[in-house]
Amino acid sequence: MPQITVDYSDTMENAFDRAGFARALHEAAVEIAAARPEGCKTQFRPSAYTVFGYEDPEARGHAVVHVTIGLLAGRGDETKARLAEAAVELLREHVADAPLTLHASAEIRDLDPSYRKFER
C-alpha cells in the first residue's frame, strides 16, 4: 500500500516524466499519508484512444491523466485531499508543455476490506 494507478492519454507519452512523477508521488505519500516507501507501487497505463467532449478523437488535441491512489482505511478526508492536491501539483511539474490541452485529476480512495497481497 498504497496502490497507485496512472491512466493517461498516449498523446502525452513523450511529455510525461513518469519516473520522476512516481518518485515524487511516493515521497508525498510517505510524508502526507504515512505510507512506507517500500509499500508504494505505481502502474502507468497509457490509453491509445481518448475522447474529449464533442471533439473529433482523431484531432488528438486533448490529453487526460487520472491518478487513483488506494490506501488502507484510516486516513481522514483532510489527508486524502492533501494527497490528491499534491498528486495534481506533481503532474503539473512532471508533464512538459505540449501542443494539447491537458486535463489532470487525482482521486484517493480506501482499499476494500477484502484487500490482500503477497510478495515473493
Foldseek 3Di string as FASTA:
>chain_A
DWEKEKEKECVQVVQFPVVVLQVQLLVLCCVLVVDDSVVRDYDYHYDDFDDDDPDDRVVVQEMEMEMEIEDAPDDDPVSQVVSFVSSQVSRVVGGHDDRHHYHYGYGYYYDPPVDDDDDD
